[in-house]
C-alpha atoms as a PDB file:
ATOM      1  CA  UNK A   1      74.729 242.831  64.581  1.00  0.00           C
ATOM      2  CA  UNK A   2      74.421 243.729  60.875  1.00  0.00           C
ATOM      3  CA  UNK A   3      70.847 242.394  61.065  1.00  0.00           C
ATOM      4  CA  UNK A   4      69.926 244.315  64.214  1.00  0.00           C
ATOM      5  CA  UNK A   5      70.562 241.394  66.571  1.00  0.00           C
ATOM      6  CA  UNK A   6      72.560 241.562  69.768  1.00  0.00           C
ATOM      7  CA  UNK A   7      75.763 239.521  69.925  1.00  0.00           C
ATOM      8  CA  UNK A   8      78.305 238.768  72.605  1.00  0.00           C
ATOM      9  CA  UNK A   9      81.623 236.901  72.303  1.00  0.00           C
ATOM     10  CA  UNK A  10      82.764 234.985  75.378  1.00  0.00           C
ATOM     11  CA  UNK A  11      86.270 233.489  75.223  1.00  0.00           C
ATOM     12  CA  UNK A  12      87.026 230.700  77.683  1.00  0.00           C
ATOM     13  CA  UNK A  13      90.616 229.593  78.034  1.00  0.00           C
ATOM     14  CA  UNK A  14      93.491 229.364  80.453  1.00  0.00           C
ATOM     15  CA  UNK A  15      97.228 229.270  79.841  1.00  0.00           C
ATOM     16  CA  UNK A  16      96.986 227.031  76.781  1.00  0.00           C
ATOM     17  CA  UNK A  17      99.839 226.708  74.355  1.00  0.00           C
ATOM     18  CA  UNK A  18      99.441 227.198  70.605  1.00  0.00           C
ATOM     19  CA  UNK A  19      97.432 224.321  69.163  1.00  0.00           C
ATOM     20  CA  UNK A  20      95.782 223.349  72.459  1.00  0.00           C
ATOM     21  CA  UNK A  21      91.980 223.029  72.450  1.00  0.00           C
ATOM     22  CA  UNK A  22      90.078 226.096  73.639  1.00  0.00           C
ATOM     23  CA  UNK A  23      86.419 226.956  73.905  1.00  0.00           C
ATOM     24  CA  UNK A  24      84.810 230.187  72.776  1.00  0.00           C
ATOM     25  CA  UNK A  25      81.136 231.039  72.991  1.00  0.00           C
ATOM     26  CA  UNK A  26      78.817 233.449  71.255  1.00  0.00           C
ATOM     27  CA  UNK A  27      75.391 234.511  72.330  1.00  0.00           C
ATOM     28  CA  UNK A  28      73.060 235.953  69.701  1.00  0.00           C
ATOM     29  CA  UNK A  29      69.609 237.293  70.527  1.00  0.00           C
ATOM     30  CA  UNK A  30      66.858 239.616  69.379  1.00  0.00           C
ATOM     31  CA  UNK A  31      66.923 241.057  72.918  1.00  0.00           C
ATOM     32  CA  UNK A  32      69.700 242.701  74.888  1.00  0.00           C
ATOM     33  CA  UNK A  33      72.067 240.072  76.289  1.00  0.00           C
ATOM     34  CA  UNK A  34      72.630 240.366  80.019  1.00  0.00           C
ATOM     35  CA  UNK A  35      74.076 236.926  80.728  1.00  0.00           C
ATOM     36  CA  UNK A  36      77.839 236.974  80.180  1.00  0.00           C
ATOM     37  CA  UNK A  37      78.754 233.540  81.471  1.00  0.00           C
ATOM     38  CA  UNK A  38      79.934 230.484  79.595  1.00  0.00           C
ATOM     39  CA  UNK A  39      77.348 228.735  77.430  1.00  0.00           C
ATOM     40  CA  UNK A  40      76.670 225.278  78.875  1.00  0.00           C
ATOM     41  CA  UNK A  41      74.628 223.815  76.011  1.00  0.00           C
ATOM     42  CA  UNK A  42      74.280 225.538  72.667  1.00  0.00           C
ATOM     43  CA  UNK A  43      71.902 225.552  69.746  1.00  0.00           C
ATOM     44  CA  UNK A  44      74.916 225.317  67.440  1.00  0.00           C
ATOM     45  CA  UNK A  45      78.354 223.888  68.203  1.00  0.00           C
ATOM     46  CA  UNK A  46      81.174 224.495  65.724  1.00  0.00           C
ATOM     47  CA  UNK A  47      84.222 222.232  66.018  1.00  0.00           C
ATOM     48  CA  UNK A  48      87.316 223.538  64.236  1.00  0.00           C
ATOM     49  CA  UNK A  49      89.391 220.409  64.971  1.00  0.00           C
ATOM     50  CA  UNK A  50      87.621 217.041  64.787  1.00  0.00           C
ATOM     51  CA  UNK A  51      90.244 215.427  67.046  1.00  0.00           C
ATOM     52  CA  UNK A  52      88.644 217.263  69.997  1.00  0.00           C
ATOM     53  CA  UNK A  53      85.628 214.989  69.566  1.00  0.00           C
ATOM     54  CA  UNK A  54      87.799 212.214  71.036  1.00  0.00           C
ATOM     55  CA  UNK A  55      87.996 214.249  74.267  1.00  0.00           C
ATOM     56  CA  UNK A  56      84.615 216.021  74.372  1.00  0.00           C
ATOM     57  CA  UNK A  57      81.253 214.435  73.585  1.00  0.00           C
ATOM     58  CA  UNK A  58      79.354 216.979  71.482  1.00  0.00           C
ATOM     59  CA  UNK A  59      76.047 215.672  72.860  1.00  0.00           C
ATOM     60  CA  UNK A  60      76.999 217.175  76.231  1.00  0.00           C
ATOM     61  CA  UNK A  61      77.517 220.571  74.567  1.00  0.00           C
ATOM     62  CA  UNK A  62      74.294 220.701  72.526  1.00  0.00           C
ATOM     63  CA  UNK A  63      70.768 221.554  73.532  1.00  0.00           C
ATOM     64  CA  UNK A  64      68.165 219.001  72.436  1.00  0.00           C
ATOM     65  CA  UNK A  65      67.637 219.620  68.734  1.00  0.00           C
ATOM     66  CA  UNK A  66      70.948 221.468  68.472  1.00  0.00           C
ATOM     67  CA  UNK A  67      73.185 221.237  65.428  1.00  0.00           C
ATOM     68  CA  UNK A  68      76.872 220.394  65.154  1.00  0.00           C
ATOM     69  CA  UNK A  69      79.315 221.582  62.470  1.00  0.00           C
ATOM     70  CA  UNK A  70      82.679 219.799  62.225  1.00  0.00           C
ATOM     71  CA  UNK A  71      85.816 220.577  60.268  1.00  0.00           C
ATOM     72  CA  UNK A  72      86.382 217.073  58.946  1.00  0.00           C
ATOM     73  CA  UNK A  73      84.294 213.992  58.375  1.00  0.00           C
ATOM     74  CA  UNK A  74      83.974 211.988  61.610  1.00  0.00           C
ATOM     75  CA  UNK A  75      81.340 209.311  62.032  1.00  0.00           C
ATOM     76  CA  UNK A  76      78.609 210.792  64.188  1.00  0.00           C
ATOM     77  CA  UNK A  77      75.493 208.886  65.163  1.00  0.00           C
ATOM     78  CA  UNK A  78      72.274 210.382  66.453  1.00  0.00           C
ATOM     79  CA  UNK A  79      73.186 214.032  65.853  1.00  0.00           C
ATOM     80  CA  UNK A  80      72.162 216.639  63.350  1.00  0.00           C
ATOM     81  CA  UNK A  81      75.732 217.059  62.160  1.00  0.00           C
ATOM     82  CA  UNK A  82      77.234 218.968  59.250  1.00  0.00           C
ATOM     83  CA  UNK A  83      80.751 218.466  57.914  1.00  0.00           C
ATOM     84  CA  UNK A  84      83.192 220.554  55.929  1.00  0.00           C
ATOM     85  CA  UNK A  85      86.820 220.208  54.817  1.00  0.00           C
ATOM     86  CA  UNK A  86      87.825 223.675  56.008  1.00  0.00           C
ATOM     87  CA  UNK A  87      91.528 222.774  55.976  1.00  0.00           C
ATOM     88  CA  UNK A  88      91.502 222.226  52.210  1.00  0.00           C
ATOM     89  CA  UNK A  89      89.646 225.489  51.643  1.00  0.00           C
ATOM     90  CA  UNK A  90      92.109 227.467  53.786  1.00  0.00           C
ATOM     91  CA  UNK A  91      95.123 225.844  52.150  1.00  0.00           C
ATOM     92  CA  UNK A  92      93.782 226.397  48.625  1.00  0.00           C
ATOM     93  CA  UNK A  93      93.389 230.104  49.397  1.00  0.00           C
ATOM     94  CA  UNK A  94      96.756 230.500  51.121  1.00  0.00           C
ATOM     95  CA  UNK A  95      95.200 231.244  54.510  1.00  0.00           C
ATOM     96  CA  UNK A  96      97.876 230.062  56.940  1.00  0.00           C
ATOM     97  CA  UNK A  97      99.494 231.446  60.070  1.00  0.00           C
ATOM     98  CA  UNK A  98     102.662 230.016  61.605  1.00  0.00           C
ATOM     99  CA  UNK A  99     102.208 226.950  59.407  1.00  0.00           C
ATOM    100  CA  UNK A 100      98.615 226.277  60.515  1.00  0.00           C
ATOM    101  CA  UNK A 101      95.686 226.533  58.075  1.00  0.00           C
ATOM    102  CA  UNK A 102      93.216 229.201  59.200  1.00  0.00           C
ATOM    103  CA  UNK A 103      89.935 227.299  59.169  1.00  0.00           C
ATOM    104  CA  UNK A 104      87.878 229.907  61.022  1.00  0.00           C
ATOM    105  CA  UNK A 105      86.550 231.699  57.917  1.00  0.00           C
ATOM    106  CA  UNK A 106      85.306 228.585  56.072  1.00  0.00           C
ATOM    107  CA  UNK A 107      83.731 227.457  59.339  1.00  0.00           C
ATOM    108  CA  UNK A 108      82.094 230.880  59.732  1.00  0.00           C
ATOM    109  CA  UNK A 109      80.522 230.428  56.298  1.00  0.00           C
ATOM    110  CA  UNK A 110      79.302 226.966  57.295  1.00  0.00           C
ATOM    111  CA  UNK A 111      77.840 228.319  60.546  1.00  0.00           C
ATOM    112  CA  UNK A 112      76.070 231.105  58.655  1.00  0.00           C
ATOM    113  CA  UNK A 113      74.408 228.609  56.337  1.00  0.00           C
ATOM    114  CA  UNK A 114      73.454 226.045  58.983  1.00  0.00           C
ATOM    115  CA  UNK A 115      72.169 228.625  61.475  1.00  0.00           C
ATOM    116  CA  UNK A 116      70.516 230.969  59.004  1.00  0.00           C
ATOM    117  CA  UNK A 117      71.513 233.884  61.258  1.00  0.00           C
ATOM    118  CA  UNK A 118      73.461 235.842  58.659  1.00  0.00           C
ATOM    119  CA  UNK A 119      73.839 235.858  54.884  1.00  0.00           C
ATOM    120  CA  UNK A 120      76.928 235.978  52.695  1.00  0.00           C
ATOM    121  CA  UNK A 121      76.398 239.610  51.698  1.00  0.00           C
ATOM    122  CA  UNK A 122      76.462 240.770  55.329  1.00  0.00           C
ATOM    123  CA  UNK A 123      79.582 238.712  56.068  1.00  0.00           C
ATOM    124  CA  UNK A 124      81.312 240.095  52.973  1.00  0.00           C
ATOM    125  CA  UNK A 125      80.488 243.673  54.001  1.00  0.00           C
ATOM    126  CA  UNK A 126      81.944 243.133  57.462  1.00  0.00           C
ATOM    127  CA  UNK A 127      85.120 241.523  56.089  1.00  0.00           C
ATOM    128  CA  UNK A 128      85.605 244.393  53.618  1.00  0.00           C
ATOM    129  CA  UNK A 129      85.044 246.931  56.406  1.00  0.00           C
ATOM    130  CA  UNK A 130      87.155 245.314  59.135  1.00  0.00           C
ATOM    131  CA  UNK A 131      89.974 243.433  57.376  1.00  0.00           C
ATOM    132  CA  UNK A 132      93.054 245.084  55.942  1.00  0.00           C
ATOM    133  CA  UNK A 133      94.805 241.988  54.520  1.00  0.00           C
ATOM    134  CA  UNK A 134      93.693 239.013  52.446  1.00  0.00           C
ATOM    135  CA  UNK A 135      90.211 240.478  52.113  1.00  0.00           C
ATOM    136  CA  UNK A 136      89.204 238.651  48.931  1.00  0.00           C
ATOM    137  CA  UNK A 137      90.707 235.368  50.163  1.00  0.00           C
ATOM    138  CA  UNK A 138      88.724 235.573  53.405  1.00  0.00           C
ATOM    139  CA  UNK A 139      85.502 236.401  51.568  1.00  0.00           C
ATOM    140  CA  UNK A 140      86.101 233.432  49.258  1.00  0.00           C
ATOM    141  CA  UNK A 141      86.790 231.186  52.272  1.00  0.00           C
ATOM    142  CA  UNK A 142      83.474 232.190  53.856  1.00  0.00           C
ATOM    143  CA  UNK A 143      81.658 231.667  50.548  1.00  0.00           C
ATOM    144  CA  UNK A 144      83.182 228.220  50.006  1.00  0.00           C
ATOM    145  CA  UNK A 145      82.393 227.174  53.580  1.00  0.00           C
ATOM    146  CA  UNK A 146      78.801 228.284  53.045  1.00  0.00           C
ATOM    147  CA  UNK A 147      78.521 226.421  49.752  1.00  0.00           C
ATOM    148  CA  UNK A 148      80.410 223.236  50.666  1.00  0.00           C
ATOM    149  CA  UNK A 149      79.049 222.389  54.127  1.00  0.00           C
ATOM    150  CA  UNK A 150      76.702 219.406  54.113  1.00  0.00           C
ATOM    151  CA  UNK A 151      75.223 216.711  56.310  1.00  0.00           C
ATOM    152  CA  UNK A 152      77.823 214.298  57.680  1.00  0.00           C
ATOM    153  CA  UNK A 153      77.566 210.716  56.672  1.00  0.00           C
END
């Protein structure tokens, strides 16, 4: 939205307990977004917990030519896949909640780099504007995710 694009967040979950896998979707477009349903196959799939790849085949979630970003380093064949150790980044910066490392910000940085949709300056501005705690740590997490993501393999 900082770049004049339209964006829509679409959570998709039931009565899951803490730590259970959930899906969340985002639509980003140059045009107004009218479709508010679940995304069936995406241009970019971001996996915050690599163990979910044992349950869900990422190929079924990606459009042809789509890209996958994984927190961890699984062996992935035949995909344009990018990996990142977001857990280590979160732990190094003290980003934890209820004992769990908060990997979302490093993964956001990785998604920004791989997608090219947003730059670090825009993300930093939004974090400074919208966050009240751990601002610098979250900015650093995004920056490290952006810098450290790379092709899996």
